[in-house]
């Protein structure tokens, strides 16, 4: 994409027009779909920006510890959604549903085959589900990309967002406050 070519250091071709500024920060699914639909960005670009934000804020910088795991398939899945949207190789583009190409993070008590499901408990760190939960399967069928798993209270039981797998979830809006319970990482 033009955005990807502009990021390559040794690329000598400049875009014909300035690239529109785009960020995933606090964008709705509708806004992400519109940006992909009009060619402003791609699913791969969106996944890469979310991965960059996770690197900058989740384990470094403020250290929110909101994510327990990131899917190793996220970029490959994003490329596949971009190909489907573009109609490659058949030439007829299609969108599988309202979440087509949009990365999502599931709470770590929802089974998906890409990642372990720990429920925030170190005792389940090696548990790998063999099949997707109904939620994950439906999201994937609608074109969503599983980006990762969110931290939560252990066995989602508690009020403080603390797990033995990921530690205490930080609050992005007010570090003095808890993110509260089983939705800590999602929050």
Protein backbone atom coordinates (compact mmCIF):
# COMPACT_ATOMS: atom_id res chain seq x y z
CA UNK A 1 0.00 0.00 0.00
CA UNK A 2 1.16 3.61 -0.30
CA UNK A 3 1.38 3.79 3.50
CA UNK A 4 3.63 0.73 3.63
CA UNK A 5 5.85 1.97 0.76
CA UNK A 6 6.27 5.35 2.49
CA UNK A 7 7.65 3.55 5.56
CA UNK A 8 10.45 1.79 3.62
CA UNK A 9 13.67 3.73 4.16
CA UNK A 10 15.36 2.92 0.84
CA UNK A 11 12.25 3.44 -1.34
CA UNK A 12 12.85 6.31 -3.78
CA UNK A 13 9.33 6.76 -5.13
CA UNK A 14 7.24 9.36 -3.32
CA UNK A 15 3.46 9.20 -3.21
CA UNK A 16 1.62 11.33 -5.80
CA UNK A 17 -0.35 12.96 -3.01
CA UNK A 18 0.40 13.25 0.69
CA UNK A 19 -0.82 10.26 2.63
CA UNK A 20 -3.91 11.00 4.69
CA UNK A 21 -3.18 10.83 8.38
CA UNK A 22 -4.78 7.80 9.98
CA UNK A 23 -4.49 6.27 13.40
CA UNK A 24 -6.37 3.45 15.05
CA UNK A 25 -6.49 5.34 18.35
CA UNK A 26 -10.07 5.20 19.69
CA UNK A 27 -11.55 4.38 16.28
CA UNK A 28 -14.82 2.49 16.11
CA UNK A 29 -15.31 -0.63 14.00
CA UNK A 30 -17.42 1.46 11.61
CA UNK A 31 -14.58 4.00 11.21
CA UNK A 32 -12.02 1.23 10.61
CA UNK A 33 -14.31 -0.36 7.99
CA UNK A 34 -14.78 2.98 6.24
CA UNK A 35 -11.01 3.58 6.14
CA UNK A 36 -10.37 0.11 4.69
CA UNK A 37 -13.26 0.47 2.25
CA UNK A 38 -12.04 3.78 0.81
CA UNK A 39 -8.40 2.66 0.61
CA UNK A 40 -7.05 4.92 3.37
CA UNK A 41 -5.61 1.90 5.15
CA UNK A 42 -5.54 -1.88 5.07
CA UNK A 43 -6.22 -4.55 7.64
CA UNK A 44 -2.49 -5.29 7.74
CA UNK A 45 -1.74 -1.62 8.48
CA UNK A 46 -4.31 -1.63 11.30
CA UNK A 47 -2.93 -4.84 12.84
CA UNK A 48 0.62 -3.47 12.66
CA UNK A 49 -0.43 -0.22 14.35
CA UNK A 50 -2.19 -2.10 17.15
CA UNK A 51 0.91 -4.29 17.62
CA UNK A 52 3.05 -1.14 17.78
CA UNK A 53 0.73 0.39 20.38
CA UNK A 54 0.86 -2.83 22.42
CA UNK A 55 4.67 -2.69 22.33
CA UNK A 56 4.77 0.99 23.33
CA UNK A 57 2.17 0.92 26.07
CA UNK A 58 1.45 -2.57 27.31
CA UNK A 59 4.91 -3.90 28.25
CA UNK A 60 6.97 -0.71 27.95
CA UNK A 61 6.25 2.90 28.88
CA UNK A 62 3.21 2.97 31.19
CA UNK A 63 3.17 -0.88 31.37
CA UNK A 64 -0.57 -1.52 31.39
CA UNK A 65 -0.27 -5.34 31.27
CA UNK A 66 -3.65 -5.48 29.51
CA UNK A 67 -2.59 -8.21 27.06
CA UNK A 68 -1.56 -11.71 28.03
CA UNK A 69 -0.71 -12.99 24.54
CA UNK A 70 -0.56 -11.84 20.92
CA UNK A 71 -1.48 -14.12 18.04
CA UNK A 72 1.43 -15.16 15.81
CA UNK A 73 -1.11 -15.43 12.95
CA UNK A 74 -2.50 -11.88 13.17
CA UNK A 75 -0.48 -10.34 10.31
CA UNK A 76 -1.00 -13.35 8.03
CA UNK A 77 -4.75 -13.29 8.78
CA UNK A 78 -4.84 -9.53 8.05
CA UNK A 79 -3.16 -10.07 4.68
CA UNK A 80 -5.73 -12.75 3.85
CA UNK A 81 -8.62 -10.40 4.76
CA UNK A 82 -7.05 -7.70 2.55
CA UNK A 83 -6.84 -10.18 -0.35
CA UNK A 84 -10.48 -11.18 0.17
CA UNK A 85 -11.55 -7.51 0.24
CA UNK A 86 -9.58 -6.84 -2.95
CA UNK A 87 -11.01 -9.93 -4.63
CA UNK A 88 -7.70 -11.71 -5.10
CA UNK A 89 -7.14 -14.04 -6.83
CA UNK A 90 -10.66 -14.32 -8.34
CA UNK A 91 -11.20 -10.59 -8.92
CA UNK A 92 -14.44 -10.25 -6.96
CA UNK A 93 -13.92 -8.44 -3.69
CA UNK A 94 -16.08 -9.33 -0.75
CA UNK A 95 -16.46 -8.49 2.89
CA UNK A 96 -17.39 -11.37 5.20
CA UNK A 97 -19.16 -9.23 7.78
CA UNK A 98 -19.02 -6.01 9.80
CA UNK A 99 -15.76 -7.08 11.50
CA UNK A 100 -13.99 -8.06 8.25
CA UNK A 101 -10.31 -7.23 8.69
CA UNK A 102 -10.77 -5.70 12.15
CA UNK A 103 -8.43 -7.03 14.86
CA UNK A 104 -10.07 -7.98 18.14
CA UNK A 105 -8.80 -9.01 21.57
CA UNK A 106 -10.68 -11.72 23.42
CA UNK A 107 -10.82 -12.06 27.19
CA UNK A 108 -8.59 -14.92 28.28
CA UNK A 109 -11.50 -17.10 29.31
CA UNK A 110 -12.73 -17.41 25.69
CA UNK A 111 -11.26 -20.33 23.73
CA UNK A 112 -9.58 -19.70 20.41
CA UNK A 113 -7.18 -22.10 18.71
CA UNK A 114 -4.51 -19.44 18.11
CA UNK A 115 -3.62 -18.96 21.77
CA UNK A 116 -3.74 -20.61 25.19
CA UNK A 117 -6.77 -19.99 27.40
CA UNK A 118 -5.57 -19.47 30.95
CA UNK A 119 -8.37 -17.59 32.66
CA UNK A 120 -5.53 -15.53 34.13
CA UNK A 121 -4.26 -18.55 36.11
CA UNK A 122 -0.66 -19.70 35.87
CA UNK A 123 -1.92 -23.25 36.48
CA UNK A 124 -3.50 -23.18 32.98
CA UNK A 125 -0.58 -21.52 31.15
CA UNK A 126 -0.09 -24.52 28.84
CA UNK A 127 -3.76 -25.20 28.07
CA UNK A 128 -4.37 -24.96 24.30
CA UNK A 129 -7.99 -25.39 23.16
CA UNK A 130 -8.55 -27.76 20.22
CA UNK A 131 -11.62 -25.89 18.96
CA UNK A 132 -12.80 -22.30 18.98
CA UNK A 133 -15.56 -21.16 21.31
CA UNK A 134 -18.80 -20.13 19.63
CA UNK A 135 -17.87 -16.48 20.16
CA UNK A 136 -14.43 -16.83 18.54
CA UNK A 137 -15.75 -18.99 15.69
CA UNK A 138 -18.51 -16.49 14.87
CA UNK A 139 -16.11 -13.53 14.98
CA UNK A 140 -13.68 -15.32 12.64
CA UNK A 141 -16.53 -16.30 10.28
CA UNK A 142 -17.43 -12.59 10.15
CA UNK A 143 -13.87 -11.72 9.13
CA UNK A 144 -12.44 -10.59 12.48
CA UNK A 145 -8.75 -11.13 13.20
CA UNK A 146 -7.83 -12.50 16.61
CA UNK A 147 -5.08 -10.11 17.74
CA UNK A 148 -4.62 -11.54 21.23
CA UNK A 149 -5.95 -12.32 24.68
CA UNK A 150 -6.75 -9.75 27.37
CA UNK A 151 -5.63 -9.98 30.98
CA UNK A 152 -8.35 -10.47 33.59
CA UNK A 153 -8.85 -11.41 37.22
CA UNK A 154 -7.78 -14.99 37.81
CA UNK A 155 -10.57 -17.45 36.94
CA UNK A 156 -12.40 -14.27 36.35
CA UNK A 157 -13.15 -13.76 39.98
CA UNK A 158 -12.25 -10.54 41.73
CA UNK A 159 -12.47 -6.79 41.58
CA UNK A 160 -8.93 -5.60 40.94
CA UNK A 161 -7.76 -6.98 37.58
CA UNK A 162 -5.01 -9.21 39.01
CA UNK A 163 -3.88 -12.49 37.46
CA UNK A 164 -0.95 -14.80 38.17
CA UNK A 165 -0.23 -14.88 34.42
CA UNK A 166 -0.09 -11.16 33.67
CA UNK A 167 -0.05 -9.30 36.96
CA UNK A 168 -2.18 -6.27 37.78
CA UNK A 169 -3.80 -4.43 34.88
CA UNK A 170 -3.03 -0.69 34.78
CA UNK A 171 -5.71 1.91 34.16
CA UNK A 172 -4.92 3.99 31.07
CA UNK A 173 -7.14 6.89 32.11
CA UNK A 174 -6.29 7.11 35.82
CA UNK A 175 -3.38 5.04 37.18
CA UNK A 176 -4.66 5.50 40.74
CA UNK A 177 -7.83 3.53 39.93
CA UNK A 178 -8.37 -0.18 39.31
CA UNK A 179 -9.64 -1.44 35.96
CA UNK A 180 -11.89 -3.73 37.96
CA UNK A 181 -12.35 -7.42 37.68
CA UNK A 182 -12.69 -9.83 34.83
CA UNK A 183 -12.82 -7.10 32.20
CA UNK A 184 -9.63 -5.38 33.40
CA UNK A 185 -7.55 -6.02 30.27
CA UNK A 186 -10.48 -5.32 27.97
CA UNK A 187 -11.07 -2.02 29.71
